[in-house]
Amino acid sequence: MTGDVIDVLVAGGGPAGLATALNAALAGMTVVVVEPRLAPVDKACGEGLMPSGVAALHALGVHPPGHPLRGIRYLDPHRHADAPFRATTGLGVRRTCLHAALMARVASLGIPVVQGKVTGVRQDSEGVEVSVHMSPPVSPMSGTPVRTDPKRHAAHADPKRLATHADPHHLPAHADPENLAAHADPHHLPPHADPERLAAHADRHHLPAHADPENLAAHADPHHLPPHAGPHHRAAHADPRRSPVCTDTVRFTMPSDGTAAVELAAADLAGDGTLRARWLVAADGLRSPLREALGLALPAGTAPRRYGLRRHFRVAPWTDFVEVYWAERSEAYVTPVAEDMVGVAVLSSERRTYDEHLTAFPALLDRLTGPPVTSVRGAGPMRRRVRSRVHGRVLLAGDAAGYVDALTGEGVSLALLSAEALIASLRSGRPESYDRAWLRISRPHRLLTTALLTTRRHPTPTRLIVPAARTFPHVFTAAVNTLA
């Protein structure tokens, strides 16, 4: 594409941005992704994909490792209700595994990934000019910049490197549980840390103190094994049936011979860090700076702000269902992600520590017999409202396009489905149709999530959620499969 304008520039290399890039490339469009973080990127999320999300991944040629999911289970202290998926299974998948699989597919198609951050946007009737603050790759061993020619700074990650290193979350059985996460995260926050402190630990990519907590956890060293690791620990790395290895750091460099399906030439990276594209997709996360800069954000409203915290435990899953434990002021989501690991996420409007939240779920605590193996990650506040998802030649994708709550697992699956709709709108020459398509795709999630959140504000109706699901199993199952 030397000398040509990029068809689609994607700001943000999370699942939504990468899915958008893959859909564009598979449709024959030239595409470049701009992302400041090294892959694979982690985030506090429930890590459960609905069957529709799994199908969307497979259509893109992405097949991440994980644990099959047969449905959703609601539980309270006295009863439970099951809603099995009717057609096929979902997938519990570590966020890092999902991101690594998406990056491997991006690399296989030769899609350039520029390591940097979009800092300015100017658009006209023909396209968008984007200012990019270039940041050199960071060495995973030392945290120091790697010298790279900024005009050859596109990513072609070798897919083979995604599974070559040991998982830093396999920790020795005799390790102190309070210190386990320190091996996986050099900026570890102890499990009793206040969520407010998450924003105080900016990572080595120099994120500002007010950045989204989901971006503030440090990048673990994928080569590190604790010096006191014993035979049990070493065996965990060698057993292919155990947790998938998805923690390698991908270097963002262009092959020396310049070969690529899409070459980012000097003519494309004009002047001092500017790129020209026909369309810009802002997939820059829940707190989307681009959405804010374009004036597309609306006030969140008067509803209580909700936050999420997530951690993983080394324990064999006891079910193939995503379990949602309901307490008076919070919910806990348990997702099997491997044969020997579950992720536990807590959602609440109360600002308490992760361990304090878990005390509201004694039955769940009895199940968590293995040690925690990752640090606590936080995200929120959840609710994001937007005026429109299309603004001239800029389109919003993923969480940047609007978000209600993680209560019904709307995140990644919705992002994958809407990415396909976004590119379809550009190919048809009707970008304005994307906003309507997004509203149509997200409607079941928005309606059910809003109804549950409204119920959640009052203690008595909250206590009736699980009994109602158990009394009317066909309604519960129908609602879940509408989302699935």
Protein backbone atom coordinates (compact mmCIF):
# COMPACT_ATOMS: atom_id res chain seq x y z
CA MET A 1 0.00 0.00 0.00
CA THR A 2 3.06 2.27 -0.35
CA GLY A 3 1.90 5.84 -0.93
CA ASP A 4 -1.73 4.98 -0.40
CA VAL A 5 -4.03 6.17 2.34
CA ILE A 6 -4.91 3.53 4.93
CA ASP A 7 -8.53 2.40 4.64
CA VAL A 8 -9.10 1.85 8.37
CA LEU A 9 -6.97 3.04 11.28
CA VAL A 10 -7.87 1.39 14.57
CA ALA A 11 -6.98 3.21 17.79
CA GLY A 12 -6.79 0.51 20.45
CA GLY A 13 -5.50 -3.05 20.28
CA GLY A 14 -7.83 -4.82 22.69
CA PRO A 15 -10.27 -7.52 21.51
CA ALA A 16 -12.64 -4.96 19.96
CA GLY A 17 -9.88 -3.18 18.06
CA LEU A 18 -8.20 -6.37 16.88
CA ALA A 19 -11.54 -7.89 15.81
CA THR A 20 -12.28 -4.73 13.83
CA ALA A 21 -8.87 -4.91 12.19
CA LEU A 22 -9.33 -8.59 11.32
CA ASN A 23 -12.77 -7.99 9.81
CA ALA A 24 -11.34 -5.13 7.73
CA ALA A 25 -8.37 -7.16 6.49
CA LEU A 26 -10.54 -10.16 5.62
CA ALA A 27 -12.79 -7.79 3.65
CA GLY A 28 -9.80 -6.68 1.56
CA MET A 29 -9.27 -3.31 3.27
CA THR A 30 -5.89 -1.93 4.33
CA VAL A 31 -5.75 -1.51 8.09
CA VAL A 32 -3.30 -0.38 10.78
CA VAL A 33 -3.71 -0.71 14.55
CA VAL A 34 -2.24 1.80 17.03
CA GLU A 35 -1.81 0.44 20.57
CA PRO A 36 0.51 1.64 23.38
CA ARG A 37 0.67 -1.58 25.40
CA LEU A 38 2.67 -4.73 24.83
CA ALA A 39 0.75 -7.91 24.07
CA PRO A 40 -0.83 -9.91 25.53
CA VAL A 41 -2.94 -7.33 27.34
CA ASP A 42 -4.86 -8.29 30.48
CA LYS A 43 -8.00 -6.69 31.86
CA ALA A 44 -10.41 -7.22 34.75
CA CYS A 45 -13.33 -9.04 33.12
CA GLY A 46 -15.47 -12.13 33.58
CA GLU A 47 -13.66 -14.04 30.80
CA GLY A 48 -16.73 -15.97 29.68
CA LEU A 49 -17.65 -15.93 25.99
CA MET A 50 -21.21 -16.61 24.91
CA PRO A 51 -21.68 -19.08 22.03
CA SER A 52 -22.24 -16.18 19.62
CA GLY A 53 -18.90 -14.71 20.64
CA VAL A 54 -17.14 -18.04 20.10
CA ALA A 55 -18.70 -18.31 16.64
CA ALA A 56 -17.56 -14.77 15.79
CA LEU A 57 -14.00 -15.64 16.82
CA HIS A 58 -13.99 -18.81 14.74
CA ALA A 59 -15.26 -16.86 11.71
CA LEU A 60 -12.15 -14.67 12.06
CA GLY A 61 -9.89 -17.71 12.23
CA VAL A 62 -9.23 -17.27 15.97
CA HIS A 63 -9.31 -20.35 18.22
CA PRO A 64 -8.10 -19.54 21.74
CA PRO A 65 -7.58 -22.26 24.35
CA GLY A 66 -10.04 -22.36 27.20
CA HIS A 67 -12.72 -24.32 29.02
CA PRO A 68 -16.09 -25.17 27.39
CA LEU A 69 -19.12 -23.58 29.05
CA ARG A 70 -22.54 -25.26 29.00
CA GLY A 71 -24.61 -22.40 30.41
CA ILE A 72 -25.26 -19.92 33.22
CA ARG A 73 -26.11 -20.79 36.83
CA TYR A 74 -27.58 -18.34 39.38
CA LEU A 75 -27.04 -19.11 43.08
CA ASP A 76 -28.05 -17.66 46.42
CA PRO A 77 -27.43 -19.19 49.88
CA HIS A 78 -30.43 -21.53 49.57
CA ARG A 79 -30.93 -22.55 45.92
CA HIS A 80 -29.67 -22.39 42.37
CA ALA A 81 -31.14 -22.18 38.88
CA ASP A 82 -29.53 -23.41 35.65
CA ALA A 83 -29.92 -22.04 32.14
CA PRO A 84 -28.08 -24.32 29.66
CA PHE A 85 -27.06 -23.06 26.24
CA ARG A 86 -29.30 -24.70 23.64
CA ALA A 87 -27.28 -24.75 20.43
CA THR A 88 -23.60 -25.00 21.30
CA THR A 89 -21.12 -24.20 24.04
CA GLY A 90 -19.53 -20.99 25.18
CA LEU A 91 -15.91 -20.66 26.24
CA GLY A 92 -14.15 -19.62 29.41
CA VAL A 93 -10.85 -18.11 28.31
CA ARG A 94 -8.14 -16.14 30.09
CA ARG A 95 -8.07 -12.58 28.79
CA THR A 96 -4.37 -12.95 28.04
CA CYS A 97 -5.04 -16.13 26.05
CA LEU A 98 -7.77 -14.43 24.05
CA HIS A 99 -5.55 -11.45 23.30
CA ALA A 100 -2.60 -13.66 22.34
CA ALA A 101 -4.79 -15.64 19.93
CA LEU A 102 -6.13 -12.45 18.34
CA MET A 103 -2.60 -11.04 18.01
CA ALA A 104 -1.38 -14.27 16.40
CA ARG A 105 -4.15 -13.98 13.79
CA VAL A 106 -3.36 -10.30 13.23
CA ALA A 107 0.29 -11.24 12.66
CA SER A 108 -0.63 -14.05 10.28
CA LEU A 109 -2.51 -11.56 8.09
CA GLY A 110 0.37 -9.07 8.17
CA ILE A 111 -1.64 -6.31 9.83
CA PRO A 112 0.75 -3.63 11.14
CA VAL A 113 0.45 -2.68 14.80
CA VAL A 114 2.11 0.62 15.63
CA GLN A 115 3.16 0.94 19.24
CA GLY A 116 1.94 4.35 20.21
CA LYS A 117 -1.08 6.35 21.26
CA VAL A 118 -3.46 8.50 19.21
CA THR A 119 -3.20 12.02 20.60
CA GLY A 120 -5.04 14.11 18.03
CA VAL A 121 -7.63 13.80 15.26
CA ARG A 122 -8.44 16.05 12.34
CA GLN A 123 -10.99 15.00 9.76
CA ASP A 124 -12.29 16.32 6.46
CA SER A 125 -14.58 15.03 3.73
CA GLU A 126 -11.91 12.65 2.42
CA GLY A 127 -10.45 11.12 5.54
CA VAL A 128 -8.87 11.49 8.96
CA GLU A 129 -5.39 12.67 9.94
CA VAL A 130 -4.27 11.20 13.23
CA SER A 131 -1.39 12.34 15.44
CA VAL A 132 0.41 9.41 17.02
CA HIS A 133 2.75 9.60 20.00
CA MET A 134 5.23 6.85 19.21
CA SER A 135 6.59 4.80 22.11
CA PRO A 136 9.50 2.35 21.71
CA PRO A 137 8.93 -1.28 22.66
CA VAL A 138 9.75 -2.12 26.26
CA SER A 139 12.09 -4.99 27.02
CA PRO A 140 10.12 -7.60 29.01
CA MET A 141 13.23 -8.37 31.03
CA SER A 142 14.45 -4.91 31.97
CA GLY A 143 11.60 -2.50 31.29
CA THR A 144 13.97 -0.36 29.19
CA PRO A 145 13.16 0.94 25.72
CA VAL A 146 14.34 -1.03 22.70
CA ARG A 147 15.84 1.12 19.97
CA THR A 148 13.66 0.99 16.91
CA ASP A 149 13.28 3.10 13.80
CA PRO A 150 9.93 4.86 14.42
CA LYS A 151 9.15 4.83 10.70
CA ARG A 152 9.42 1.05 10.65
CA HIS A 153 7.54 0.63 13.91
CA ALA A 154 4.75 -1.74 12.84
CA ALA A 155 4.03 -5.01 14.59
CA HIS A 156 4.40 -8.37 12.96
CA ALA A 157 4.43 -10.63 15.96
CA ASP A 158 5.64 -14.14 15.34
CA PRO A 159 2.72 -16.42 16.29
CA LYS A 160 5.18 -19.13 17.31
CA ARG A 161 6.44 -16.91 20.12
CA LEU A 162 3.03 -16.77 21.75
CA ALA A 163 3.42 -20.18 23.39
CA THR A 164 7.17 -20.50 23.95
CA HIS A 165 7.56 -19.26 27.50
CA ALA A 166 6.53 -20.53 30.90
CA ASP A 167 3.37 -19.24 32.52
CA PRO A 168 4.47 -16.91 35.35
CA HIS A 169 1.26 -17.71 37.24
CA HIS A 170 2.29 -21.32 38.03
CA LEU A 171 3.59 -20.86 41.56
CA PRO A 172 5.00 -23.36 44.06
CA ALA A 173 2.49 -25.01 46.37
CA HIS A 174 4.43 -23.93 49.46
CA ALA A 175 4.41 -20.24 48.61
CA ASP A 176 2.79 -17.82 51.02
CA PRO A 177 -0.69 -17.08 49.58
CA GLU A 178 -0.29 -13.40 50.51
CA ASN A 179 2.79 -13.18 48.29
CA LEU A 180 1.74 -15.40 45.38
CA ALA A 181 0.70 -12.59 43.09
CA ALA A 182 4.02 -10.80 43.59
CA HIS A 183 5.64 -13.45 41.39
CA ALA A 184 3.26 -12.70 38.55
CA ASP A 185 3.01 -8.93 38.90
CA PRO A 186 5.95 -6.69 39.87
CA HIS A 187 3.47 -3.97 40.85
CA HIS A 188 1.43 -6.42 42.95
CA LEU A 189 -1.37 -5.10 45.12
CA PRO A 190 -2.13 -7.45 48.02
CA PRO A 191 -5.61 -9.02 48.07
CA HIS A 192 -6.67 -6.70 50.90
CA ALA A 193 -5.72 -3.56 48.99
CA ASP A 194 -8.38 -0.90 48.61
CA PRO A 195 -9.59 -0.65 45.00
CA GLU A 196 -8.85 3.07 45.23
CA ARG A 197 -5.17 2.16 45.32
CA LEU A 198 -5.29 0.49 41.94
CA ALA A 199 -4.98 3.85 40.25
CA ALA A 200 -1.93 4.75 42.31
CA HIS A 201 0.25 2.07 40.71
CA ALA A 202 1.01 3.31 37.21
CA ASP A 203 2.83 0.71 35.12
CA ARG A 204 6.07 1.00 33.24
CA HIS A 205 4.25 2.40 30.21
CA HIS A 206 3.82 5.63 32.20
CA LEU A 207 0.05 5.66 32.38
CA PRO A 208 -1.25 8.77 34.17
CA ALA A 209 -2.49 8.39 37.71
CA HIS A 210 -6.08 8.97 36.60
CA ALA A 211 -5.96 6.22 33.97
CA ASP A 212 -8.52 3.43 33.88
CA PRO A 213 -7.67 0.86 36.59
CA GLU A 214 -7.93 -1.88 33.97
CA ASN A 215 -4.73 -0.50 32.40
CA LEU A 216 -2.74 -0.05 35.58
CA ALA A 217 -1.71 -3.58 36.46
CA ALA A 218 1.91 -4.28 35.56
CA HIS A 219 3.14 -6.55 32.82
CA ALA A 220 4.45 -9.75 34.34
CA ASP A 221 7.85 -11.06 33.32
CA PRO A 222 7.04 -14.14 31.21
CA HIS A 223 10.50 -15.59 31.72
CA HIS A 224 10.53 -15.43 35.50
CA LEU A 225 10.35 -18.48 37.73
CA PRO A 226 10.65 -18.05 41.50
CA PRO A 227 14.14 -19.13 42.61
CA HIS A 228 12.63 -21.44 45.25
CA ALA A 229 10.29 -23.18 42.79
CA GLY A 230 10.19 -26.91 43.44
CA PRO A 231 9.46 -29.99 41.32
CA HIS A 232 5.69 -29.52 41.68
CA HIS A 233 6.02 -26.05 40.26
CA ARG A 234 8.24 -27.15 37.37
CA ALA A 235 5.85 -29.96 36.48
CA ALA A 236 3.01 -27.49 36.15
CA HIS A 237 4.88 -25.85 33.29
CA ALA A 238 5.42 -29.12 31.47
CA ASP A 239 1.88 -30.50 31.69
CA PRO A 240 -0.03 -29.45 28.54
CA ARG A 241 -3.36 -30.25 30.19
CA ARG A 242 -2.86 -27.52 32.77
CA SER A 243 -3.54 -23.83 32.34
CA PRO A 244 -2.79 -22.58 28.81
CA VAL A 245 0.40 -20.57 28.38
CA CYS A 246 -0.64 -17.15 27.08
CA THR A 247 1.71 -14.73 28.79
CA ASP A 248 4.53 -14.14 26.34
CA THR A 249 5.38 -10.54 25.51
CA VAL A 250 5.15 -9.85 21.78
CA ARG A 251 7.78 -7.53 20.31
CA PHE A 252 6.39 -4.96 17.90
CA THR A 253 8.97 -4.77 15.10
CA MET A 254 8.82 -4.88 11.30
CA PRO A 255 10.72 -7.73 9.60
CA SER A 256 14.10 -6.54 8.34
CA ASP A 257 13.29 -7.44 4.75
CA GLY A 258 10.15 -5.30 4.83
CA THR A 259 7.90 -8.12 3.66
CA ALA A 260 4.31 -7.91 4.86
CA ALA A 261 0.81 -8.25 3.54
CA VAL A 262 0.46 -4.53 4.26
CA GLU A 263 3.64 -2.47 4.43
CA LEU A 264 3.70 0.68 6.53
CA ALA A 265 6.05 2.85 4.45
CA ALA A 266 7.57 6.22 5.19
CA ALA A 267 4.94 7.84 2.99
CA ASP A 268 2.22 6.47 5.29
CA LEU A 269 3.89 7.66 8.48
CA ALA A 270 4.10 11.27 7.36
CA GLY A 271 5.93 14.02 9.22
CA ASP A 272 6.33 13.66 12.94
CA GLY A 273 4.01 10.82 13.98
CA THR A 274 0.95 11.34 11.77
CA LEU A 275 -1.10 8.81 9.88
CA ARG A 276 -3.74 9.41 7.24
CA ALA A 277 -6.74 7.09 6.90
CA ARG A 278 -10.15 7.08 5.29
CA TRP A 279 -11.76 5.97 8.56
CA LEU A 280 -10.75 5.99 12.21
CA VAL A 281 -12.16 3.42 14.63
CA ALA A 282 -11.86 4.45 18.29
CA ALA A 283 -11.59 1.20 20.25
CA ASP A 284 -9.69 2.76 23.12
CA GLY A 285 -11.59 1.31 26.04
CA LEU A 286 -14.15 2.05 28.69
CA ARG A 287 -12.79 5.53 29.41
CA SER A 288 -12.05 6.26 25.74
CA PRO A 289 -10.06 9.53 25.50
CA LEU A 290 -11.09 9.83 21.84
CA ARG A 291 -14.79 9.60 22.71
CA GLU A 292 -14.28 12.35 25.28
CA ALA A 293 -12.24 14.55 22.93
CA LEU A 294 -14.90 14.31 20.21
CA GLY A 295 -17.65 15.33 22.64
CA LEU A 296 -19.54 12.06 22.20
CA ALA A 297 -19.79 11.14 25.90
CA LEU A 298 -23.01 11.67 27.85
CA PRO A 299 -23.37 11.87 31.65
CA ALA A 300 -23.66 8.42 33.20
CA GLY A 301 -26.81 9.37 35.11
CA THR A 302 -27.75 9.06 38.77
CA ALA A 303 -27.52 5.27 39.13
CA PRO A 304 -24.89 4.00 41.59
CA ARG A 305 -21.46 3.55 40.06
CA ARG A 306 -20.44 -0.09 39.78
CA TYR A 307 -16.92 -1.49 39.81
CA GLY A 308 -15.38 -4.87 39.09
CA LEU A 309 -12.49 -6.77 40.67
CA ARG A 310 -11.06 -10.04 39.34
CA ARG A 311 -8.57 -12.70 40.42
CA HIS A 312 -7.67 -16.28 39.42
CA PHE A 313 -7.38 -19.31 41.67
CA ARG A 314 -5.52 -22.56 41.09
CA VAL A 315 -8.41 -24.98 41.54
CA ALA A 316 -10.08 -27.46 39.20
CA PRO A 317 -13.48 -26.19 38.01
CA TRP A 318 -16.36 -27.95 39.76
CA THR A 319 -18.85 -27.17 36.97
CA ASP A 320 -19.06 -26.35 33.24
CA PHE A 321 -21.43 -23.46 33.99
CA VAL A 322 -20.57 -19.84 34.66
CA GLU A 323 -21.78 -19.42 38.23
CA VAL A 324 -23.25 -16.11 39.38
CA TYR A 325 -23.51 -15.88 43.17
CA TRP A 326 -25.97 -13.24 44.36
CA ALA A 327 -25.53 -11.37 47.64
CA GLU A 328 -27.41 -8.35 48.92
CA ARG A 329 -24.97 -5.76 47.58
CA SER A 330 -22.75 -7.62 45.11
CA GLU A 331 -22.40 -10.53 42.70
CA ALA A 332 -19.52 -12.96 42.25
CA TYR A 333 -18.89 -14.56 38.85
CA VAL A 334 -16.94 -17.81 38.63
CA THR A 335 -15.69 -18.77 35.18
CA PRO A 336 -13.75 -21.97 34.46
CA VAL A 337 -10.83 -20.95 32.21
CA ALA A 338 -8.64 -24.11 32.30
CA GLU A 339 -8.56 -27.60 33.76
CA ASP A 340 -6.89 -26.24 36.88
CA MET A 341 -8.01 -22.62 37.10
CA VAL A 342 -11.09 -20.48 37.66
CA GLY A 343 -11.50 -16.74 37.45
CA VAL A 344 -13.55 -15.03 40.13
CA ALA A 345 -14.87 -11.54 39.43
CA VAL A 346 -16.89 -9.43 41.87
CA LEU A 347 -19.21 -6.58 40.84
CA SER A 348 -20.59 -4.06 43.28
CA SER A 349 -21.29 -0.40 43.85
CA GLU A 350 -19.59 -0.64 47.24
CA ARG A 351 -15.91 0.28 47.32
CA ARG A 352 -14.48 -2.58 49.35
CA THR A 353 -11.41 -4.76 48.98
CA TYR A 354 -11.57 -8.01 47.03
CA ASP A 355 -11.25 -10.19 50.12
CA GLU A 356 -13.93 -8.19 51.91
CA HIS A 357 -16.29 -8.74 48.97
CA LEU A 358 -15.67 -12.49 48.98
CA THR A 359 -16.84 -12.79 52.59
CA ALA A 360 -20.39 -12.21 51.27
CA PHE A 361 -20.16 -15.59 49.47
CA PRO A 362 -19.30 -18.29 52.04
CA ALA A 363 -20.36 -21.15 49.74
CA LEU A 364 -17.98 -19.87 47.08
CA LEU A 365 -15.15 -19.47 49.57
CA ASP A 366 -15.56 -23.13 50.51
CA ARG A 367 -14.94 -24.02 46.85
CA LEU A 368 -11.77 -21.94 46.50
CA THR A 369 -9.42 -24.49 48.03
CA GLY A 370 -6.44 -23.59 45.83
CA PRO A 371 -4.18 -20.54 46.09
CA PRO A 372 -4.72 -17.27 44.22
CA VAL A 373 -2.34 -17.12 41.27
CA THR A 374 -2.89 -13.64 39.87
CA SER A 375 -3.09 -10.23 41.44
CA VAL A 376 -6.36 -8.35 41.86
CA ARG A 377 -7.32 -6.23 38.85
CA GLY A 378 -9.98 -3.56 38.88
CA ALA A 379 -12.20 -1.81 36.32
CA GLY A 380 -14.92 0.79 36.42
CA PRO A 381 -17.11 2.64 36.81
CA MET A 382 -18.98 0.52 34.30
CA ARG A 383 -21.78 2.60 32.82
CA ARG A 384 -20.89 4.66 29.73
CA ARG A 385 -23.37 6.54 27.57
CA VAL A 386 -22.70 8.12 24.18
CA ARG A 387 -24.47 10.57 21.89
CA SER A 388 -23.65 8.57 18.78
CA ARG A 389 -21.21 5.89 17.66
CA VAL A 390 -20.55 7.64 14.36
CA HIS A 391 -19.00 11.11 14.16
CA GLY A 392 -18.07 11.98 10.60
CA ARG A 393 -15.29 9.56 9.70
CA VAL A 394 -14.76 8.37 13.28
CA LEU A 395 -16.62 5.33 14.62
CA LEU A 396 -16.65 3.99 18.18
CA ALA A 397 -16.13 0.29 18.90
CA GLY A 398 -16.04 -1.99 21.92
CA ASP A 399 -16.46 -0.44 25.36
CA ALA A 400 -15.84 3.00 23.84
CA ALA A 401 -19.17 2.64 22.00
CA GLY A 402 -21.13 2.52 25.26
CA TYR A 403 -21.51 0.10 28.13
CA VAL A 404 -24.22 -0.71 30.66
CA ASP A 405 -22.72 -3.24 33.06
CA ALA A 406 -20.89 -6.58 33.14
CA LEU A 407 -23.90 -8.18 34.87
CA THR A 408 -24.97 -10.17 31.79
CA GLY A 409 -21.52 -10.58 30.22
CA GLU A 410 -22.10 -8.18 27.35
CA GLY A 411 -18.47 -7.16 26.84
CA VAL A 412 -16.34 -9.24 24.47
CA SER A 413 -19.14 -11.07 22.63
CA LEU A 414 -20.90 -7.79 21.86
CA ALA A 415 -17.60 -6.23 20.76
CA LEU A 416 -16.92 -9.09 18.35
CA LEU A 417 -20.38 -8.99 16.78
CA SER A 418 -20.45 -5.20 16.47
CA ALA A 419 -16.95 -5.14 14.90
CA GLU A 420 -18.34 -7.17 12.00
CA ALA A 421 -21.28 -4.76 11.68
CA LEU A 422 -18.94 -1.76 11.72
CA ILE A 423 -16.85 -2.98 8.81
CA ALA A 424 -19.98 -4.04 6.91
CA SER A 425 -21.29 -0.47 7.20
CA LEU A 426 -18.06 0.94 5.74
CA ARG A 427 -18.02 -1.55 2.88
CA SER A 428 -21.62 -0.69 2.01
CA GLY A 429 -20.82 3.03 1.93
CA ARG A 430 -23.33 3.67 4.72
CA PRO A 431 -21.32 4.28 7.90
CA GLU A 432 -24.35 5.85 9.58
CA SER A 433 -26.01 2.41 9.55
CA TYR A 434 -23.47 1.18 12.12
CA ASP A 435 -25.14 3.10 14.93
CA ARG A 436 -28.48 1.38 14.22
CA ALA A 437 -26.78 -2.00 13.89
CA TRP A 438 -25.02 -1.55 17.24
CA LEU A 439 -28.31 -0.69 18.95
CA ARG A 440 -29.96 -3.74 17.40
CA ILE A 441 -27.16 -6.13 18.38
CA SER A 442 -26.89 -4.80 21.92
CA ARG A 443 -30.62 -4.43 22.60
CA PRO A 444 -31.14 -7.78 24.45
CA HIS A 445 -28.13 -7.11 26.67
CA ARG A 446 -29.17 -3.55 27.42
CA LEU A 447 -32.76 -4.45 28.27
CA LEU A 448 -31.97 -7.40 30.52
CA THR A 449 -29.00 -5.71 32.21
CA THR A 450 -30.98 -2.53 32.89
CA ALA A 451 -33.86 -4.56 34.33
CA LEU A 452 -31.53 -6.51 36.66
CA LEU A 453 -29.73 -3.34 37.75
CA THR A 454 -33.05 -1.68 38.54
CA THR A 455 -34.01 -4.70 40.64
CA ARG A 456 -30.59 -4.70 42.26
CA ARG A 457 -31.19 -1.26 43.83
CA HIS A 458 -33.78 -2.69 46.23
CA PRO A 459 -33.01 -5.47 48.73
CA THR A 460 -36.34 -7.30 48.58
CA PRO A 461 -36.54 -7.72 44.78
CA THR A 462 -32.86 -8.68 44.75
CA ARG A 463 -33.57 -11.62 47.06
CA LEU A 464 -36.23 -12.81 44.59
CA ILE A 465 -33.97 -13.02 41.51
CA VAL A 466 -32.71 -16.58 42.04
CA PRO A 467 -36.07 -17.93 43.34
CA ALA A 468 -37.79 -16.47 40.27
CA ALA A 469 -35.21 -18.04 37.95
CA ARG A 470 -35.74 -21.40 39.65
CA THR A 471 -39.55 -21.11 39.62
CA PHE A 472 -39.65 -20.14 35.93
CA PRO A 473 -36.74 -22.08 34.40
CA HIS A 474 -38.06 -21.78 30.84
CA VAL A 475 -38.12 -17.97 31.10
CA PHE A 476 -34.63 -17.92 32.61
CA THR A 477 -33.27 -20.24 29.93
CA ALA A 478 -34.96 -18.27 27.16
CA ALA A 479 -33.45 -15.01 28.44
CA VAL A 480 -29.94 -16.49 28.62
CA ASN A 481 -30.20 -18.01 25.16
CA THR A 482 -31.41 -14.71 23.72
CA LEU A 483 -28.10 -13.26 24.89
CA ALA A 484 -26.13 -16.35 23.85
